[in-house]
PDB file of N, CA and C in Angstrom:
ATOM      1  N   MET A   1      82.032  11.818-129.279  1.00  0.00           N
ATOM      2  CA  MET A   1      82.100  12.976-130.710  1.00  0.00           C
ATOM      3  C   MET A   1      81.816  14.461-130.038  1.00  0.00           C
ATOM      4  N   VAL A   2      82.895  15.302-130.562  1.00  0.00           N
ATOM      5  CA  VAL A   2      82.709  16.878-130.147  1.00  0.00           C
ATOM      6  C   VAL A   2      81.889  17.568-130.674  1.00  0.00           C
ATOM      7  N   ALA A   3      82.001  17.296-132.189  1.00  0.00           N
ATOM      8  CA  ALA A   3      81.138  18.029-133.077  1.00  0.00           C
ATOM      9  C   ALA A   3      81.135  17.694-134.749  1.00  0.00           C
ATOM     10  N   VAL A   4      79.693  18.023-135.245  1.00  0.00           N
ATOM     11  CA  VAL A   4      79.953  17.372-136.501  1.00  0.00           C
ATOM     12  C   VAL A   4      79.981  18.895-137.571  1.00  0.00           C
ATOM     13  N   GLY A   5      80.792  18.730-138.440  1.00  0.00           N
ATOM     14  CA  GLY A   5      81.152  19.835-139.587  1.00  0.00           C
ATOM     15  C   GLY A   5      80.372  19.751-140.619  1.00  0.00           C
ATOM     16  N   TRP A   6      79.256  20.782-140.828  1.00  0.00           N
ATOM     17  CA  TRP A   6      78.549  20.596-142.298  1.00  0.00           C
ATOM     18  C   TRP A   6      79.200  21.557-143.276  1.00  0.00           C
ATOM     19  N   ALA A   7      79.267  20.997-144.293  1.00  0.00           N
ATOM     20  CA  ALA A   7      79.763  22.046-145.373  1.00  0.00           C
ATOM     21  C   ALA A   7      78.816  22.729-146.249  1.00  0.00           C
ATOM     22  N   THR A   8      79.016  23.591-146.898  1.00  0.00           N
ATOM     23  CA  THR A   8      77.672  24.825-147.264  1.00  0.00           C
ATOM     24  C   THR A   8      78.675  25.887-148.089  1.00  0.00           C
ATOM     25  N   VAL A   9      77.935  25.900-149.632  1.00  0.00           N
ATOM     26  CA  VAL A   9      78.480  26.686-150.078  1.00  0.00           C
ATOM     27  C   VAL A   9      78.098  28.641-149.699  1.00  0.00           C
ATOM     28  N   ASP A  10      76.958  28.590-148.889  1.00  0.00           N
ATOM     29  CA  ASP A  10      76.491  29.718-148.481  1.00  0.00           C
ATOM     30  C   ASP A  10      76.520  29.760-146.821  1.00  0.00           C
ATOM     31  N   LEU A  11      77.503  30.098-145.793  1.00  0.00           N
ATOM     32  CA  LEU A  11      77.482  30.400-144.950  1.00  0.00           C
ATOM     33  C   LEU A  11      76.433  31.046-143.926  1.00  0.00           C
ATOM     34  N   GLU A  12      76.315  32.169-144.532  1.00  0.00           N
ATOM     35  CA  GLU A  12      75.088  32.904-143.826  1.00  0.00           C
ATOM     36  C   GLU A  12      73.614  32.444-144.116  1.00  0.00           C
ATOM     37  N   ARG A  13      73.535  31.905-145.564  1.00  0.00           N
ATOM     38  CA  ARG A  13      72.092  30.986-145.229  1.00  0.00           C
ATOM     39  C   ARG A  13      72.177  29.691-144.572  1.00  0.00           C
ATOM     40  N   ALA A  14      72.799  29.282-144.216  1.00  0.00           N
ATOM     41  CA  ALA A  14      72.766  27.962-143.592  1.00  0.00           C
ATOM     42  C   ALA A  14      72.848  28.816-142.147  1.00  0.00           C
ATOM     43  N   ALA A  15      73.403  29.338-141.901  1.00  0.00           N
ATOM     44  CA  ALA A  15      73.312  30.279-140.362  1.00  0.00           C
ATOM     45  C   ALA A  15      71.783  30.550-140.237  1.00  0.00           C
ATOM     46  N   ALA A  16      71.568  31.540-141.059  1.00  0.00           N
ATOM     47  CA  ALA A  16      70.174  31.752-140.791  1.00  0.00           C
ATOM     48  C   ALA A  16      68.905  30.651-140.911  1.00  0.00           C
ATOM     49  N   GLU A  17      69.081  29.418-141.467  1.00  0.00           N
ATOM     50  CA  GLU A  17      68.431  28.605-141.228  1.00  0.00           C
ATOM     51  C   GLU A  17      68.436  27.572-139.631  1.00  0.00           C
ATOM     52  N   ILE A  18      69.360  27.880-138.893  1.00  0.00           N
ATOM     53  CA  ILE A  18      69.427  27.222-137.709  1.00  0.00           C
ATOM     54  C   ILE A  18      69.763  28.479-136.586  1.00  0.00           C
ATOM     55  N   PRO A  19      68.615  28.620-135.666  1.00  0.00           N
ATOM     56  CA  PRO A  19      68.269  29.597-134.681  1.00  0.00           C
ATOM     57  C   PRO A  19      69.892  29.779-133.846  1.00  0.00           C
ATOM     58  N   GLU A  20      70.290  28.366-133.479  1.00  0.00           N
ATOM     59  CA  GLU A  20      70.926  28.176-132.418  1.00  0.00           C
ATOM     60  C   GLU A  20      72.684  28.763-132.787  1.00  0.00           C
ATOM     61  N   VAL A  21      72.684  29.224-134.089  1.00  0.00           N
ATOM     62  CA  VAL A  21      73.839  29.570-134.415  1.00  0.00           C
ATOM     63  C   VAL A  21      74.652  30.802-133.949  1.00  0.00           C
ATOM     64  N   HIS A  22      75.886  30.668-133.195  1.00  0.00           N
ATOM     65  CA  HIS A  22      76.594  32.039-132.666  1.00  0.00           C
ATOM     66  C   HIS A  22      77.046  32.730-133.906  1.00  0.00           C
ATOM     67  N   SER A  23      76.862  34.047-133.974  1.00  0.00           N
ATOM     68  CA  SER A  23      77.337  34.948-135.082  1.00  0.00           C
ATOM     69  C   SER A  23      78.780  35.017-134.558  1.00  0.00           C
ATOM     70  N   GLY A  24      79.404  35.059-135.733  1.00  0.00           N
ATOM     71  CA  GLY A  24      80.970  35.040-135.232  1.00  0.00           C
ATOM     72  C   GLY A  24      81.880  33.676-135.265  1.00  0.00           C
ATOM     73  N   GLY A  25      81.252  32.816-134.724  1.00  0.00           N
ATOM     74  CA  GLY A  25      81.657  31.404-134.626  1.00  0.00           C
ATOM     75  C   GLY A  25      83.129  31.176-134.010  1.00  0.00           C
ATOM     76  N   PRO A  26      83.497  30.260-134.053  1.00  0.00           N
ATOM     77  CA  PRO A  26      84.925  29.937-133.551  1.00  0.00           C
ATOM     78  C   PRO A  26      85.964  30.678-134.652  1.00  0.00           C
ATOM     79  N   GLY A  27      85.806  30.801-136.202  1.00  0.00           N
ATOM     80  CA  GLY A  27      86.465  31.291-136.865  1.00  0.00           C
ATOM     81  C   GLY A  27      87.119  30.707-138.031  1.00  0.00           C
ATOM     82  N   ASP A  28      88.199  30.532-138.620  1.00  0.00           N
ATOM     83  CA  ASP A  28      88.883  29.288-139.312  1.00  0.00           C
ATOM     84  C   ASP A  28      89.147  28.107-139.190  1.00  0.00           C
ATOM     85  N   GLU A  29      88.706  27.303-140.171  1.00  0.00           N
ATOM     86  CA  GLU A  29      89.620  25.880-140.245  1.00  0.00           C
ATOM     87  C   GLU A  29      89.944  25.832-140.888  1.00  0.00           C
ATOM     88  N   GLN A  30      91.329  25.903-140.575  1.00  0.00           N
ATOM     89  CA  GLN A  30      92.428  25.773-141.605  1.00  0.00           C
ATOM     90  C   GLN A  30      92.971  24.646-141.773  1.00  0.00           C
ATOM     91  N   LEU A  31      92.135  23.604-141.021  1.00  0.00           N
ATOM     92  CA  LEU A  31      92.811  21.881-141.692  1.00  0.00           C
ATOM     93  C   LEU A  31      92.064  21.405-143.044  1.00  0.00           C
ATOM     94  N   LEU A  32      90.479  22.432-142.932  1.00  0.00           N
ATOM     95  CA  LEU A  32      89.864  22.260-144.535  1.00  0.00           C
ATOM     96  C   LEU A  32      90.024  23.269-145.362  1.00  0.00           C
ATOM     97  N   GLY A  33      90.811  24.513-144.789  1.00  0.00           N
ATOM     98  CA  GLY A  33      90.494  25.954-145.741  1.00  0.00           C
ATOM     99  C   GLY A  33      89.132  26.355-145.760  1.00  0.00           C
ATOM    100  N   ALA A  34      88.743  26.714-144.741  1.00  0.00           N
ATOM    101  CA  ALA A  34      87.103  27.060-144.483  1.00  0.00           C
ATOM    102  C   ALA A  34      87.153  28.170-143.525  1.00  0.00           C
ATOM    103  N   ARG A  35      85.954  28.911-143.496  1.00  0.00           N
ATOM    104  CA  ARG A  35      85.603  29.884-142.335  1.00  0.00           C
ATOM    105  C   ARG A  35      84.449  29.193-141.580  1.00  0.00           C
ATOM    106  N   ALA A  36      83.998  29.546-140.422  1.00  0.00           N
ATOM    107  CA  ALA A  36      83.105  28.577-139.614  1.00  0.00           C
ATOM    108  C   ALA A  36      82.404  29.464-138.806  1.00  0.00           C
ATOM    109  N   MET A  37      81.284  28.916-138.654  1.00  0.00           N
ATOM    110  CA  MET A  37      80.285  29.347-137.308  1.00  0.00           C
ATOM    111  C   MET A  37      79.663  27.939-136.585  1.00  0.00           C
ATOM    112  N   ARG A  38      79.328  28.259-135.496  1.00  0.00           N
ATOM    113  CA  ARG A  38      79.254  27.150-134.623  1.00  0.00           C
ATOM    114  C   ARG A  38      77.605  27.571-134.095  1.00  0.00           C
ATOM    115  N   ALA A  39      77.020  26.121-133.890  1.00  0.00           N
ATOM    116  CA  ALA A  39      75.610  25.789-133.205  1.00  0.00           C
ATOM    117  C   ALA A  39      75.816  24.976-132.379  1.00  0.00           C
ATOM    118  N   THR A  40      75.169  25.397-130.915  1.00  0.00           N
ATOM    119  CA  THR A  40      75.122  24.025-130.099  1.00  0.00           C
ATOM    120  C   THR A  40      73.830  23.475-129.782  1.00  0.00           C
ATOM    121  N   LEU A  41      74.145  22.164-130.418  1.00  0.00           N
ATOM    122  CA  LEU A  41      72.851  21.830-130.118  1.00  0.00           C
ATOM    123  C   LEU A  41      72.646  20.275-129.326  1.00  0.00           C
ATOM    124  N   GLY A  42      72.580  20.391-128.354  1.00  0.00           N
ATOM    125  CA  GLY A  42      72.432  19.676-127.164  1.00  0.00           C
ATOM    126  C   GLY A  42      74.151  19.366-126.750  1.00  0.00           C
ATOM    127  N   ALA A  43      74.233  18.202-126.777  1.00  0.00           N
ATOM    128  CA  ALA A  43      75.730  17.406-126.302  1.00  0.00           C
ATOM    129  C   ALA A  43      76.582  17.701-127.424  1.00  0.00           C
ATOM    130  N   VAL A  44      76.169  18.120-128.680  1.00  0.00           N
ATOM    131  CA  VAL A  44      76.985  17.824-129.663  1.00  0.00           C
ATOM    132  C   VAL A  44      76.994  19.070-130.480  1.00  0.00           C
ATOM    133  N   ASP A  45      78.304  19.618-130.579  1.00  0.00           N
ATOM    134  CA  ASP A  45      78.401  20.993-131.621  1.00  0.00           C
ATOM    135  C   ASP A  45      78.003  20.937-133.016  1.00  0.00           C
ATOM    136  N   LEU A  46      77.563  21.823-134.076  1.00  0.00           N
ATOM    137  CA  LEU A  46      77.305  21.611-135.198  1.00  0.00           C
ATOM    138  C   LEU A  46      78.590  22.684-135.770  1.00  0.00           C
ATOM    139  N   LEU A  47      78.974  22.235-136.481  1.00  0.00           N
ATOM    140  CA  LEU A  47      80.380  23.560-137.131  1.00  0.00           C
ATOM    141  C   LEU A  47      79.807  23.794-138.509  1.00  0.00           C
ATOM    142  N   LEU A  48      79.064  24.961-139.139  1.00  0.00           N
ATOM    143  CA  LEU A  48      78.868  25.133-140.429  1.00  0.00           C
ATOM    144  C   LEU A  48      80.165  25.574-141.016  1.00  0.00           C
ATOM    145  N   LEU A  49      80.257  24.990-142.411  1.00  0.00           N
ATOM    146  CA  LEU A  49      81.769  25.476-142.783  1.00  0.00           C
ATOM    147  C   LEU A  49      81.639  25.931-144.377  1.00  0.00           C
ATOM    148  N   GLU A  50      82.188  26.952-144.340  1.00  0.00           N
ATOM    149  CA  GLU A  50      82.073  27.561-145.756  1.00  0.00           C
ATOM    150  C   GLU A  50      83.538  27.807-146.526  1.00  0.00           C
ATOM    151  N   PRO A  51      84.185  27.220-147.694  1.00  0.00           N
ATOM    152  CA  PRO A  51      85.392  27.286-148.082  1.00  0.00           C
ATOM    153  C   PRO A  51      85.999  28.794-148.103  1.00  0.00           C
ATOM    154  N   SER A  52      87.274  28.860-147.869  1.00  0.00           N
ATOM    155  CA  SER A  52      87.428  30.034-147.575  1.00  0.00           C
ATOM    156  C   SER A  52      89.033  29.942-148.645  1.00  0.00           C
ATOM    157  N   THR A  53      89.600  28.898-149.108  1.00  0.00           N
ATOM    158  CA  THR A  53      90.747  28.388-150.400  1.00  0.00           C
ATOM    159  C   THR A  53      89.859  27.454-151.015  1.00  0.00           C
ATOM    160  N   GLU A  54      90.502  27.189-152.210  1.00  0.00           N
ATOM    161  CA  GLU A  54      90.588  26.431-152.705  1.00  0.00           C
ATOM    162  C   GLU A  54      91.092  24.880-152.482  1.00  0.00           C
ATOM    163  N   GLY A  55      90.695  24.595-151.339  1.00  0.00           N
ATOM    164  CA  GLY A  55      91.585  23.583-150.430  1.00  0.00           C
ATOM    165  C   GLY A  55      90.634  22.303-150.207  1.00  0.00           C
ATOM    166  N   ARG A  56      90.602  21.705-149.132  1.00  0.00           N
ATOM    167  CA  ARG A  56      89.870  20.232-149.201  1.00  0.00           C
ATOM    168  C   ARG A  56      88.574  20.601-149.013  1.00  0.00           C
ATOM    169  N   LEU A  57      87.781  21.080-148.361  1.00  0.00           N
ATOM    170  CA  LEU A  57      86.468  21.541-148.507  1.00  0.00           C
ATOM    171  C   LEU A  57      85.986  21.858-149.743  1.00  0.00           C
ATOM    172  N   ALA A  58      86.322  22.823-150.092  1.00  0.00           N
ATOM    173  CA  ALA A  58      86.039  23.319-151.603  1.00  0.00           C
ATOM    174  C   ALA A  58      85.914  22.056-152.497  1.00  0.00           C
ATOM    175  N   GLY A  59      87.025  20.896-152.457  1.00  0.00           N
ATOM    176  CA  GLY A  59      87.033  19.919-153.135  1.00  0.00           C
ATOM    177  C   GLY A  59      85.906  18.951-152.821  1.00  0.00           C
ATOM    178  N   TRP A  60      86.110  18.725-151.749  1.00  0.00           N
ATOM    179  CA  TRP A  60      84.791  17.956-150.979  1.00  0.00           C
ATOM    180  C   TRP A  60      83.282  18.322-151.721  1.00  0.00           C
ATOM    181  N   LEU A  61      83.039  19.666-151.553  1.00  0.00           N
ATOM    182  CA  LEU A  61      81.574  19.964-151.779  1.00  0.00           C
ATOM    183  C   LEU A  61      81.716  20.179-153.512  1.00  0.00           C
ATOM    184  N   ALA A  62      82.254  20.393-154.167  1.00  0.00           N
ATOM    185  CA  ALA A  62      82.259  19.954-155.579  1.00  0.00           C
ATOM    186  C   ALA A  62      82.287  18.450-156.015  1.00  0.00           C
ATOM    187  N   ARG A  63      82.996  17.405-155.116  1.00  0.00           N
ATOM    188  CA  ARG A  63      82.197  16.242-155.208  1.00  0.00           C
ATOM    189  C   ARG A  63      80.936  15.826-154.378  1.00  0.00           C
ATOM    190  N   ASN A  64      80.487  15.980-153.512  1.00  0.00           N
ATOM    191  CA  ASN A  64      79.509  15.602-153.065  1.00  0.00           C
ATOM    192  C   ASN A  64      78.717  16.470-152.554  1.00  0.00           C
ATOM    193  N   GLY A  65      78.343  18.087-152.646  1.00  0.00           N
ATOM    194  CA  GLY A  65      77.703  19.131-152.294  1.00  0.00           C
ATOM    195  C   GLY A  65      77.377  19.323-150.706  1.00  0.00           C
ATOM    196  N   GLU A  66      76.514  19.974-150.660  1.00  0.00           N
ATOM    197  CA  GLU A  66      76.288  20.208-148.831  1.00  0.00           C
ATOM    198  C   GLU A  66      76.038  19.235-148.324  1.00  0.00           C
ATOM    199  N   GLY A  67      76.456  19.109-146.917  1.00  0.00           N
ATOM    200  CA  GLY A  67      76.278  17.760-145.990  1.00  0.00           C
ATOM    201  C   GLY A  67      77.616  17.638-145.189  1.00  0.00           C
ATOM    202  N   VAL A  68      77.365  16.657-144.307  1.00  0.00           N
ATOM    203  CA  VAL A  68      78.310  16.246-143.454  1.00  0.00           C
ATOM    204  C   VAL A  68      79.520  16.012-143.436  1.00  0.00           C
ATOM    205  N   VAL A  69      80.834  16.879-143.436  1.00  0.00           N
ATOM    206  CA  VAL A  69      81.987  16.621-144.194  1.00  0.00           C
ATOM    207  C   VAL A  69      83.173  16.283-143.330  1.00  0.00           C
ATOM    208  N   VAL A  70      82.940  16.503-141.826  1.00  0.00           N
ATOM    209  CA  VAL A  70      83.863  16.381-140.972  1.00  0.00           C
ATOM    210  C   VAL A  70      83.125  16.016-139.486  1.00  0.00           C
ATOM    211  N   LEU A  71      83.801  15.098-138.850  1.00  0.00           N
ATOM    212  CA  LEU A  71      83.426  14.869-137.455  1.00  0.00           C
ATOM    213  C   LEU A  71      84.893  14.940-136.746  1.00  0.00           C
ATOM    214  N   TYR A  72      84.610  15.739-135.460  1.00  0.00           N
ATOM    215  CA  TYR A  72      85.352  16.312-134.538  1.00  0.00           C
ATOM    216  C   TYR A  72      85.239  15.104-133.390  1.00  0.00           C
ATOM    217  N   VAL A  73      86.686  14.367-133.098  1.00  0.00           N
ATOM    218  CA  VAL A  73      86.590  13.343-131.795  1.00  0.00           C
ATOM    219  C   VAL A  73      87.432  14.176-131.153  1.00  0.00           C
ATOM    220  N   GLU A  74      87.104  13.465-130.044  1.00  0.00           N
ATOM    221  CA  GLU A  74      88.527  13.512-128.802  1.00  0.00           C
ATOM    222  C   GLU A  74      89.621  12.975-129.204  1.00  0.00           C
ATOM    223  N   GLY A  75      90.688  13.303-128.857  1.00  0.00           N
ATOM    224  CA  GLY A  75      92.162  12.629-129.312  1.00  0.00           C
ATOM    225  C   GLY A  75      91.993  11.196-129.244  1.00  0.00           C
ATOM    226  N   ARG A  76      92.782  10.511-130.752  1.00  0.00           N
ATOM    227  CA  ARG A  76      92.964   9.415-130.420  1.00  0.00           C
ATOM    228  C   ARG A  76      94.266   8.767-130.157  1.00  0.00           C
ATOM    229  N   GLY A  77      94.892   9.598-129.687  1.00  0.00           N
ATOM    230  CA  GLY A  77      96.255   9.203-129.286  1.00  0.00           C
ATOM    231  C   GLY A  77      97.230   9.472-130.741  1.00  0.00           C
ATOM    232  N   ALA A  78      96.918   9.953-131.636  1.00  0.00           N
ATOM    233  CA  ALA A  78      97.511  10.364-132.985  1.00  0.00           C
ATOM    234  C   ALA A  78      99.039  10.185-132.578  1.00  0.00           C
ATOM    235  N   ALA A  79      99.978   9.516-133.406  1.00  0.00           N
ATOM    236  CA  ALA A  79     101.185   9.802-133.463  1.00  0.00           C
ATOM    237  C   ALA A  79     101.704  11.217-133.947  1.00  0.00           C
ATOM    238  N   GLY A  80     102.865  11.599-133.825  1.00  0.00           N
ATOM    239  CA  GLY A  80     103.571  12.724-134.741  1.00  0.00           C
ATOM    240  C   GLY A  80     103.555  13.861-134.043  1.00  0.00           C
ATOM    241  N   GLY A  81     103.977  15.019-134.427  1.00  0.00           N
ATOM    242  CA  GLY A  81     104.167  16.543-134.144  1.00  0.00           C
ATOM    243  C   GLY A  81     103.172  16.674-133.694  1.00  0.00           C
ATOM    244  N   PRO A  82     102.961  18.032-133.439  1.00  0.00           N
ATOM    245  CA  PRO A  82     101.798  18.890-133.003  1.00  0.00           C
ATOM    246  C   PRO A  82     100.868  18.983-133.841  1.00  0.00           C
ATOM    247  N   GLY A  83      99.655  19.094-133.833  1.00  0.00           N
ATOM    248  CA  GLY A  83      98.762  19.362-135.009  1.00  0.00           C
ATOM    249  C   GLY A  83      98.307  20.473-135.315  1.00  0.00           C
ATOM    250  N   PHE A  84      97.597  21.234-136.218  1.00  0.00           N
ATOM    251  CA  PHE A  84      97.447  22.446-136.653  1.00  0.00           C
ATOM    252  C   PHE A  84      96.318  22.857-135.366  1.00  0.00           C
ATOM    253  N   ILE A  85      96.101  24.077-135.229  1.00  0.00           N
ATOM    254  CA  ILE A  85      95.037  24.546-134.681  1.00  0.00           C
ATOM    255  C   ILE A  85      93.591  24.546-135.320  1.00  0.00           C
ATOM    256  N   SER A  86      92.680  23.909-134.863  1.00  0.00           N
ATOM    257  CA  SER A  86      91.395  23.574-135.287  1.00  0.00           C
ATOM    258  C   SER A  86      90.814  24.655-135.449  1.00  0.00           C
ATOM    259  N   ALA A  87      89.339  24.732-135.780  1.00  0.00           N
ATOM    260  CA  ALA A  87      88.113  25.794-135.589  1.00  0.00           C
ATOM    261  C   ALA A  87      88.027  26.043-134.024  1.00  0.00           C
ATOM    262  N   PHE A  88      88.170  24.898-133.072  1.00  0.00           N
ATOM    263  CA  PHE A  88      87.941  25.144-131.645  1.00  0.00           C
ATOM    264  C   PHE A  88      89.246  25.677-131.258  1.00  0.00           C
ATOM    265  N   GLY A  89      90.003  26.110-131.479  1.00  0.00           N
ATOM    266  CA  GLY A  89      90.968  26.541-130.786  1.00  0.00           C
ATOM    267  C   GLY A  89      91.770  25.686-130.103  1.00  0.00           C
ATOM    268  N   ARG A  90      92.004  24.389-130.592  1.00  0.00           N
ATOM    269  CA  ARG A  90      92.771  23.335-130.020  1.00  0.00           C
ATOM    270  C   ARG A  90      93.434  22.689-131.098  1.00  0.00           C
ATOM    271  N   PRO A  91      94.501  22.330-130.865  1.00  0.00           N
ATOM    272  CA  PRO A  91      95.227  21.428-131.488  1.00  0.00           C
ATOM    273  C   PRO A  91      94.462  20.036-132.287  1.00  0.00           C
ATOM    274  N   GLY A  92      94.490  19.763-133.547  1.00  0.00           N
ATOM    275  CA  GLY A  92      93.784  18.538-133.846  1.00  0.00           C
ATOM    276  C   GLY A  92      94.521  18.009-135.387  1.00  0.00           C
ATOM    277  N   ARG A  93      94.431  16.822-135.307  1.00  0.00           N
ATOM    278  CA  ARG A  93      95.170  15.901-136.799  1.00  0.00           C
ATOM    279  C   ARG A  93      93.962  15.653-137.742  1.00  0.00           C
ATOM    280  N   LEU A  94      94.352  16.074-139.091  1.00  0.00           N
ATOM    281  CA  LEU A  94      93.374  15.544-140.033  1.00  0.00           C
ATOM    282  C   LEU A  94      93.415  14.258-140.438  1.00  0.00           C
ATOM    283  N   GLU A  95      92.289  13.424-140.353  1.00  0.00           N
ATOM    284  CA  GLU A  95      92.231  11.937-141.181  1.00  0.00           C
ATOM    285  C   GLU A  95      91.383  12.142-142.018  1.00  0.00           C
ATOM    286  N   ILE A  96      92.258  11.766-143.544  1.00  0.00           N
ATOM    287  CA  ILE A  96      91.690  11.533-144.557  1.00  0.00           C
ATOM    288  C   ILE A  96      91.359  10.168-144.798  1.00  0.00           C
ATOM    289  N   PRO A  97      89.897  10.011-145.225  1.00  0.00           N
ATOM    290  CA  PRO A  97      88.901   8.778-145.660  1.00  0.00           C
ATOM    291  C   PRO A  97      89.417   8.203-146.538  1.00  0.00           C
ATOM    292  N   ASP A  98      89.533   6.578-147.110  1.00  0.00           N
ATOM    293  CA  ASP A  98      89.785   6.208-148.142  1.00  0.00           C
ATOM    294  C   ASP A  98      88.797   6.762-149.505  1.00  0.00           C
ATOM    295  N   ASP A  99      87.564   6.625-148.971  1.00  0.00           N
ATOM    296  CA  ASP A  99      86.363   6.724-149.958  1.00  0.00           C
ATOM    297  C   ASP A  99      86.209   8.428-149.793  1.00  0.00           C
ATOM    298  N   ARG A 100      86.347   9.249-150.773  1.00  0.00           N
ATOM    299  CA  ARG A 100      86.626  10.310-150.953  1.00  0.00           C
ATOM    300  C   ARG A 100      84.695  10.830-150.552  1.00  0.00           C
ATOM    301  N   ALA A 101      83.793  10.006-150.309  1.00  0.00           N
ATOM    302  CA  ALA A 101      82.318  10.165-150.328  1.00  0.00           C
ATOM    303  C   ALA A 101      82.175  10.574-148.741  1.00  0.00           C
ATOM    304  N   GLN A 102      83.003   9.536-148.016  1.00  0.00           N
ATOM    305  CA  GLN A 102      82.981   9.815-146.351  1.00  0.00           C
ATOM    306  C   GLN A 102      83.615  10.817-146.234  1.00  0.00           C
ATOM    307  N   PRO A 103      83.220  11.210-144.658  1.00  0.00           N
ATOM    308  CA  PRO A 103      83.659  12.439-144.413  1.00  0.00           C
ATOM    309  C   PRO A 103      84.847  12.408-143.506  1.00  0.00           C
ATOM    310  N   PHE A 104      85.515  13.722-143.084  1.00  0.00           N
ATOM    311  CA  PHE A 104      86.850  13.705-142.836  1.00  0.00           C
ATOM    312  C   PHE A 104      86.938  13.505-141.587  1.00  0.00           C
ATOM    313  N   VAL A 105      88.078  12.846-140.638  1.00  0.00           N
ATOM    314  CA  VAL A 105      87.678  12.968-139.255  1.00  0.00           C
ATOM    315  C   VAL A 105      88.817  14.075-138.426  1.00  0.00           C
ATOM    316  N   VAL A 106      88.790  14.936-137.578  1.00  0.00           N
ATOM    317  CA  VAL A 106      89.640  15.579-137.157  1.00  0.00           C
ATOM    318  C   VAL A 106      89.550  15.185-135.552  1.00  0.00           C
ATOM    319  N   SER A 107      90.786  14.561-135.007  1.00  0.00           N
ATOM    320  CA  SER A 107      90.910  14.290-133.660  1.00  0.00           C
ATOM    321  C   SER A 107      91.739  15.621-133.176  1.00  0.00           C
ATOM    322  N   LEU A 108      91.161  15.525-132.049  1.00  0.00           N
ATOM    323  CA  LEU A 108      91.378  17.002-131.416  1.00  0.00           C
ATOM    324  C   LEU A 108      92.202  16.549-130.209  1.00  0.00           C
ATOM    325  N   ASP A 109      93.739  17.292-130.011  1.00  0.00           N
ATOM    326  CA  ASP A 109      94.406  17.078-128.413  1.00  0.00           C
ATOM    327  C   ASP A 109      93.407  17.099-127.727  1.00  0.00           C
ATOM    328  N   PRO A 110      93.877  16.823-126.404  1.00  0.00           N
ATOM    329  CA  PRO A 110      92.941  16.936-125.118  1.00  0.00           C
ATOM    330  C   PRO A 110      93.141  18.649-124.450  1.00  0.00           C
ATOM    331  N   GLU A 111      92.674  19.095-123.944  1.00  0.00           N
ATOM    332  CA  GLU A 111      92.538  20.252-123.618  1.00  0.00           C
ATOM    333  C   GLU A 111      93.117  19.973-122.437  1.00  0.00           C
TER     334      GLU A 111
END
Protein backbone atom coordinates (compact mmCIF):
# COMPACT_ATOMS: atom_id res chain seq x y z
CA MET A 1 0.00 0.00 0.00
CA VAL A 2 1.25 3.48 -0.89
CA ALA A 3 -1.14 5.67 1.13
CA VAL A 4 -4.39 5.93 3.02
CA GLY A 5 -6.81 8.74 2.19
CA TRP A 6 -8.75 10.29 5.08
CA ALA A 7 -11.94 12.20 4.27
CA THR A 8 -12.56 15.41 6.21
CA VAL A 9 -14.89 18.38 5.98
CA ASP A 10 -12.18 20.74 7.29
CA LEU A 11 -8.72 20.19 5.83
CA GLU A 12 -6.98 22.82 7.96
CA ARG A 13 -8.40 21.44 11.24
CA ALA A 14 -7.43 17.88 10.32
CA ALA A 15 -3.93 19.01 9.27
CA ALA A 16 -3.44 20.91 12.55
CA GLU A 17 -4.10 17.69 14.46
CA ILE A 18 -1.25 15.86 12.68
CA PRO A 19 2.18 17.50 13.01
CA GLU A 20 3.67 15.50 10.11
CA VAL A 21 1.42 17.18 7.50
CA HIS A 22 3.31 19.01 4.77
CA SER A 23 1.54 22.29 4.08
CA GLY A 24 0.53 22.64 0.49
CA GLY A 25 0.46 18.88 0.09
CA PRO A 26 0.19 17.20 -3.27
CA GLY A 27 -2.72 19.36 -4.44
CA ASP A 28 -5.89 18.13 -6.08
CA GLU A 29 -7.28 14.62 -6.20
CA GLN A 30 -9.38 14.78 -9.34
CA LEU A 31 -10.38 11.11 -9.08
CA LEU A 32 -12.51 11.96 -6.02
CA GLY A 33 -13.13 15.70 -6.42
CA ALA A 34 -10.92 16.82 -3.52
CA ARG A 35 -8.04 18.98 -2.46
CA ALA A 36 -5.35 17.20 -0.49
CA MET A 37 -2.56 17.53 2.06
CA ARG A 38 -0.01 14.81 2.70
CA ALA A 39 1.50 13.47 5.92
CA THR A 40 4.31 10.94 5.99
CA LEU A 41 3.78 8.41 8.75
CA GLY A 42 6.45 5.73 8.45
CA ALA A 43 6.22 3.61 5.31
CA VAL A 44 2.67 4.70 4.44
CA ASP A 45 1.55 8.21 3.60
CA LEU A 46 -1.67 9.72 4.90
CA LEU A 47 -3.53 11.92 2.45
CA LEU A 48 -6.06 14.28 4.01
CA LEU A 49 -8.89 14.93 1.54
CA GLU A 50 -11.50 17.70 1.60
CA PRO A 51 -14.21 17.99 -1.08
CA SER A 52 -13.58 20.58 -3.78
CA THR A 53 -16.56 19.53 -5.90
CA GLU A 54 -19.90 17.84 -5.33
CA GLY A 55 -18.29 14.62 -6.50
CA ARG A 56 -17.44 11.23 -5.06
CA LEU A 57 -15.74 12.47 -1.89
CA ALA A 58 -18.61 14.79 -0.96
CA GLY A 59 -21.08 11.96 -1.45
CA TRP A 60 -18.98 9.56 0.58
CA LEU A 61 -18.71 12.07 3.45
CA ALA A 62 -22.47 12.67 3.42
CA ARG A 63 -23.10 8.92 3.74
CA ASN A 64 -20.25 7.89 6.04
CA GLY A 65 -18.75 10.91 7.81
CA GLU A 66 -15.04 11.52 8.29
CA GLY A 67 -12.74 8.53 8.04
CA VAL A 68 -10.75 6.29 5.70
CA VAL A 69 -12.13 6.93 2.21
CA VAL A 70 -9.50 5.57 -0.17
CA LEU A 71 -6.54 3.20 -0.28
CA TYR A 72 -3.76 3.96 -2.76
CA VAL A 73 -1.99 0.84 -3.98
CA GLU A 74 0.71 0.09 -6.53
CA GLY A 75 -0.71 -0.81 -9.94
CA ARG A 76 -2.57 -4.07 -10.22
CA GLY A 77 -2.26 -4.21 -13.99
CA ALA A 78 -5.61 -2.52 -14.62
CA ALA A 79 -6.76 -2.79 -18.21
CA GLY A 80 -7.81 0.18 -20.28
CA GLY A 81 -6.36 3.45 -21.43
CA PRO A 82 -4.39 5.96 -19.43
CA GLY A 83 -5.65 6.75 -15.95
CA PHE A 84 -6.33 10.14 -14.42
CA ILE A 85 -3.52 11.98 -12.65
CA SER A 86 -3.80 11.31 -8.92
CA ALA A 87 -2.81 13.58 -6.04
CA PHE A 88 0.59 11.85 -6.17
CA GLY A 89 1.23 13.12 -9.69
CA ARG A 90 0.99 9.58 -11.06
CA PRO A 91 -1.78 8.21 -13.25
CA GLY A 92 -4.24 6.10 -11.34
CA ARG A 93 -7.44 4.18 -11.86
CA LEU A 94 -10.33 4.40 -9.44
CA GLU A 95 -11.94 1.17 -8.28
CA ILE A 96 -15.42 1.71 -6.81
CA PRO A 97 -16.48 -0.80 -4.14
CA ASP A 98 -19.84 -2.58 -4.32
CA ASP A 99 -20.54 -1.58 -0.69
CA ARG A 100 -20.78 2.24 -0.52
CA ALA A 101 -19.54 2.19 3.10
CA GLN A 102 -16.20 0.68 2.01
CA PRO A 103 -13.24 2.79 0.86
CA PHE A 104 -12.40 3.41 -2.78
CA VAL A 105 -9.15 1.98 -4.15
CA VAL A 106 -6.84 3.92 -6.47
CA SER A 107 -4.46 1.69 -8.37
CA LEU A 108 -1.42 3.82 -9.25
CA ASP A 109 0.53 3.19 -12.44
CA PRO A 110 4.20 2.26 -11.88
CA GLU A 111 6.59 5.21 -11.64
